[in-house]
Amino acid sequence: MEFLSRLSKKERRLFYITVAVVAIVFLERVVFKPVMNKLENFNGKISLEEKKLEKSMHILGQESAITSEYEKFAQSIKQEQSDEETLAILLSSIEKMANSVSVFILDMKPGTVEKAEFYKKYTVKIEAEAKISNLTDFIYQLENSPKLLRVSDFRLTPQKKETVLKISMTVTEVLIN
């Protein structure tokens, strides 16, 4: 207080104003700014969660449609036969697809059956001959089949006839247990 008593009235007023400004800046930097940053962070998280909730509510509103679509799809990929019967059906369907687009199958061998926790993966190795246009149609039919068929291994070898290719491929099908 001795310091303040030596100051003139004008200097004391200036000192109080300076102390008040420093205190306000200190409070703003140390207290208010971190609190405001936390509030903005929380508001951002809240708006993100609100958007997620809106999306979830939209999906929940479509639950019956999604469930019916799932049931249709699940029925087409659910295994209802033994492994041997499933492989026979797979071989038959591949052969029908090949014949429909003029792909000549030279050899078709069932491969291994990979068993996972909730699905089985069947493989078939195919040796065939076809023109490139017929081959693309065949692969398109395989990939767009209602069954989960995929061409996983593929090799082409040109034949003596320029337009005919020899094909070696592996086709897989996945079925739910």
Protein backbone atom coordinates (compact mmCIF):
# COMPACT_ATOMS: atom_id res chain seq x y z
CA MET A 1 0.00 0.00 0.00
CA GLU A 2 2.94 2.29 0.47
CA PHE A 3 3.46 2.11 -3.30
CA LEU A 4 -0.08 3.38 -3.94
CA SER A 5 0.20 6.21 -1.44
CA ARG A 6 3.19 7.64 -3.34
CA LEU A 7 1.22 7.79 -6.59
CA SER A 8 -0.88 10.72 -7.64
CA LYS A 9 -4.62 10.36 -8.09
CA LYS A 10 -4.25 10.12 -11.87
CA GLU A 11 -1.47 7.52 -11.60
CA ARG A 12 -3.52 5.46 -9.12
CA ARG A 13 -6.48 5.47 -11.50
CA LEU A 14 -4.18 4.39 -14.33
CA PHE A 15 -2.71 1.66 -12.08
CA TYR A 16 -6.19 0.32 -11.21
CA ILE A 17 -7.21 0.35 -14.85
CA THR A 18 -4.00 -1.50 -15.81
CA VAL A 19 -4.53 -4.10 -13.05
CA ALA A 20 -8.16 -4.55 -14.19
CA VAL A 21 -7.12 -4.98 -17.85
CA VAL A 22 -4.38 -7.48 -16.90
CA ALA A 23 -6.86 -9.39 -14.68
CA ILE A 24 -9.46 -9.46 -17.47
CA VAL A 25 -6.89 -10.68 -20.03
CA PHE A 26 -5.64 -13.28 -17.55
CA LEU A 27 -9.17 -14.53 -16.84
CA GLU A 28 -10.00 -14.58 -20.56
CA ARG A 29 -6.86 -16.58 -21.46
CA VAL A 30 -6.76 -18.91 -18.47
CA VAL A 31 -10.45 -19.45 -17.65
CA PHE A 32 -12.88 -18.36 -20.35
CA LYS A 33 -11.00 -19.46 -23.51
CA PRO A 34 -10.43 -23.08 -22.36
CA VAL A 35 -14.04 -23.31 -21.20
CA MET A 36 -15.29 -21.94 -24.53
CA ASN A 37 -13.04 -24.36 -26.45
CA LYS A 38 -14.43 -27.27 -24.42
CA LEU A 39 -17.98 -26.08 -25.09
CA GLU A 40 -17.30 -25.82 -28.84
CA ASN A 41 -15.74 -29.30 -28.79
CA PHE A 42 -18.76 -30.70 -26.96
CA ASN A 43 -21.13 -28.94 -29.37
CA GLY A 44 -19.25 -30.49 -32.31
CA LYS A 45 -19.49 -33.94 -30.72
CA ILE A 46 -23.17 -33.42 -29.98
CA SER A 47 -23.93 -32.41 -33.58
CA LEU A 48 -21.96 -35.42 -34.87
CA GLU A 49 -23.89 -37.75 -32.57
CA GLU A 50 -27.16 -36.10 -33.65
CA LYS A 51 -26.30 -36.81 -37.29
CA LYS A 52 -25.46 -40.43 -36.43
CA LEU A 53 -28.74 -40.69 -34.53
CA GLU A 54 -30.70 -39.28 -37.49
CA LYS A 55 -29.03 -41.81 -39.81
CA SER A 56 -29.75 -44.63 -37.38
CA MET A 57 -33.38 -43.52 -37.05
CA HIS A 58 -33.68 -43.46 -40.85
CA ILE A 59 -32.25 -46.99 -41.08
CA LEU A 60 -34.46 -48.14 -38.21
CA GLY A 61 -37.45 -46.77 -40.11
CA GLN A 62 -36.50 -49.05 -43.00
CA GLU A 63 -35.99 -52.10 -40.78
CA SER A 64 -38.80 -54.16 -42.28
CA ALA A 65 -37.68 -53.49 -45.86
CA ILE A 66 -34.06 -54.30 -45.00
CA THR A 67 -35.09 -57.47 -43.16
CA SER A 68 -37.19 -58.70 -46.07
CA GLU A 69 -34.36 -58.01 -48.54
CA TYR A 70 -31.93 -59.82 -46.25
CA GLU A 71 -34.25 -62.82 -46.01
CA LYS A 72 -34.50 -63.04 -49.81
CA PHE A 73 -30.75 -62.77 -50.20
CA ALA A 74 -29.93 -65.12 -47.32
CA GLN A 75 -32.16 -67.83 -48.77
CA SER A 76 -30.24 -67.81 -52.04
CA ILE A 77 -26.86 -68.26 -50.34
CA LYS A 78 -27.85 -70.54 -47.48
CA GLN A 79 -26.51 -74.08 -47.70
CA GLU A 80 -29.30 -76.61 -47.53
CA GLN A 81 -27.56 -79.64 -49.11
CA SER A 82 -24.49 -81.69 -48.32
CA ASP A 83 -21.11 -80.55 -49.62
CA GLU A 84 -21.22 -83.10 -52.44
CA GLU A 85 -24.68 -82.03 -53.57
CA THR A 86 -23.68 -78.38 -53.39
CA LEU A 87 -20.60 -79.03 -55.54
CA ALA A 88 -22.72 -80.97 -58.06
CA ILE A 89 -25.20 -78.10 -58.29
CA LEU A 90 -22.34 -75.62 -58.67
CA LEU A 91 -20.72 -77.67 -61.46
CA SER A 92 -24.07 -77.98 -63.23
CA SER A 93 -24.83 -74.25 -63.04
CA ILE A 94 -21.34 -73.33 -64.31
CA GLU A 95 -21.75 -75.77 -67.19
CA LYS A 96 -25.16 -74.30 -68.11
CA MET A 97 -23.73 -70.77 -68.06
CA ALA A 98 -20.80 -71.85 -70.24
CA ASN A 99 -23.06 -73.59 -72.77
CA SER A 100 -25.37 -70.57 -72.97
CA VAL A 101 -22.52 -68.35 -74.17
CA SER A 102 -20.58 -70.90 -76.27
CA VAL A 103 -17.69 -71.47 -73.89
CA PHE A 104 -16.43 -75.02 -74.38
CA ILE A 105 -15.42 -76.62 -71.09
CA LEU A 106 -12.53 -79.05 -71.52
CA ASP A 107 -12.18 -80.03 -67.86
CA MET A 108 -13.92 -79.06 -64.66
CA LYS A 109 -12.69 -80.30 -61.26
CA PRO A 110 -14.20 -79.60 -57.87
CA GLY A 111 -11.62 -78.20 -55.51
CA THR A 112 -11.43 -77.91 -51.78
CA VAL A 113 -14.17 -76.81 -49.42
CA GLU A 114 -12.93 -74.15 -47.00
CA LYS A 115 -14.94 -74.09 -43.80
CA ALA A 116 -15.06 -70.90 -41.76
CA GLU A 117 -17.06 -69.97 -38.70
CA PHE A 118 -20.29 -69.11 -40.48
CA TYR A 119 -19.73 -69.90 -44.17
CA LYS A 120 -18.21 -72.42 -46.57
CA LYS A 121 -16.24 -71.58 -49.68
CA TYR A 122 -16.42 -74.05 -52.58
CA THR A 123 -13.90 -73.95 -55.42
CA VAL A 124 -14.02 -75.33 -58.95
CA LYS A 125 -11.08 -75.37 -61.35
CA ILE A 126 -12.07 -74.96 -65.00
CA GLU A 127 -10.18 -75.50 -68.25
CA ALA A 128 -12.06 -74.16 -71.27
CA GLU A 129 -11.79 -72.68 -74.76
CA ALA A 130 -13.68 -69.69 -76.06
CA LYS A 131 -13.59 -66.58 -78.16
CA ILE A 132 -12.83 -63.45 -76.18
CA SER A 133 -16.37 -62.06 -76.58
CA ASN A 134 -17.90 -65.32 -75.32
CA LEU A 135 -15.42 -65.42 -72.47
CA THR A 136 -16.38 -61.94 -71.29
CA ASP A 137 -20.06 -62.93 -71.38
CA PHE A 138 -19.27 -66.05 -69.36
CA ILE A 139 -17.33 -64.14 -66.70
CA TYR A 140 -20.08 -61.52 -66.58
CA GLN A 141 -22.69 -64.25 -65.98
CA LEU A 142 -20.57 -65.81 -63.25
CA GLU A 143 -19.96 -62.55 -61.44
CA ASN A 144 -23.59 -61.41 -61.70
CA SER A 145 -25.14 -64.72 -60.78
CA PRO A 146 -27.65 -64.70 -57.88
CA LYS A 147 -25.24 -67.10 -56.21
CA LEU A 148 -22.09 -65.64 -54.66
CA LEU A 149 -19.80 -66.79 -57.49
CA ARG A 150 -16.43 -65.14 -58.07
CA VAL A 151 -13.61 -65.79 -60.51
CA SER A 152 -10.57 -65.89 -58.24
CA ASP A 153 -7.77 -67.20 -60.47
CA PHE A 154 -7.57 -66.59 -64.19
CA ARG A 155 -5.09 -67.41 -66.98
CA LEU A 156 -5.43 -66.98 -70.74
CA THR A 157 -3.35 -68.75 -73.35
CA PRO A 158 -3.70 -68.01 -77.07
CA GLN A 159 -4.41 -71.03 -79.27
CA LYS A 160 -3.30 -71.71 -82.83
CA LYS A 161 -6.58 -70.29 -84.01
CA GLU A 162 -6.17 -66.58 -83.48
CA THR A 163 -9.68 -65.97 -82.20
CA VAL A 164 -9.79 -68.81 -79.67
CA LEU A 165 -8.25 -68.64 -76.20
CA LYS A 166 -7.54 -71.41 -73.73
CA ILE A 167 -8.76 -70.46 -70.27
CA SER A 168 -7.75 -71.71 -66.85
CA MET A 169 -9.79 -70.27 -64.02
CA THR A 170 -10.92 -70.95 -60.50
CA VAL A 171 -14.50 -70.15 -59.57
CA THR A 172 -15.54 -69.89 -55.93
CA GLU A 173 -18.96 -69.91 -54.32
CA VAL A 174 -19.69 -68.83 -50.75
CA LEU A 175 -22.62 -70.28 -48.82
CA ILE A 176 -23.76 -69.47 -45.29
CA ASN A 177 -23.85 -72.42 -42.87
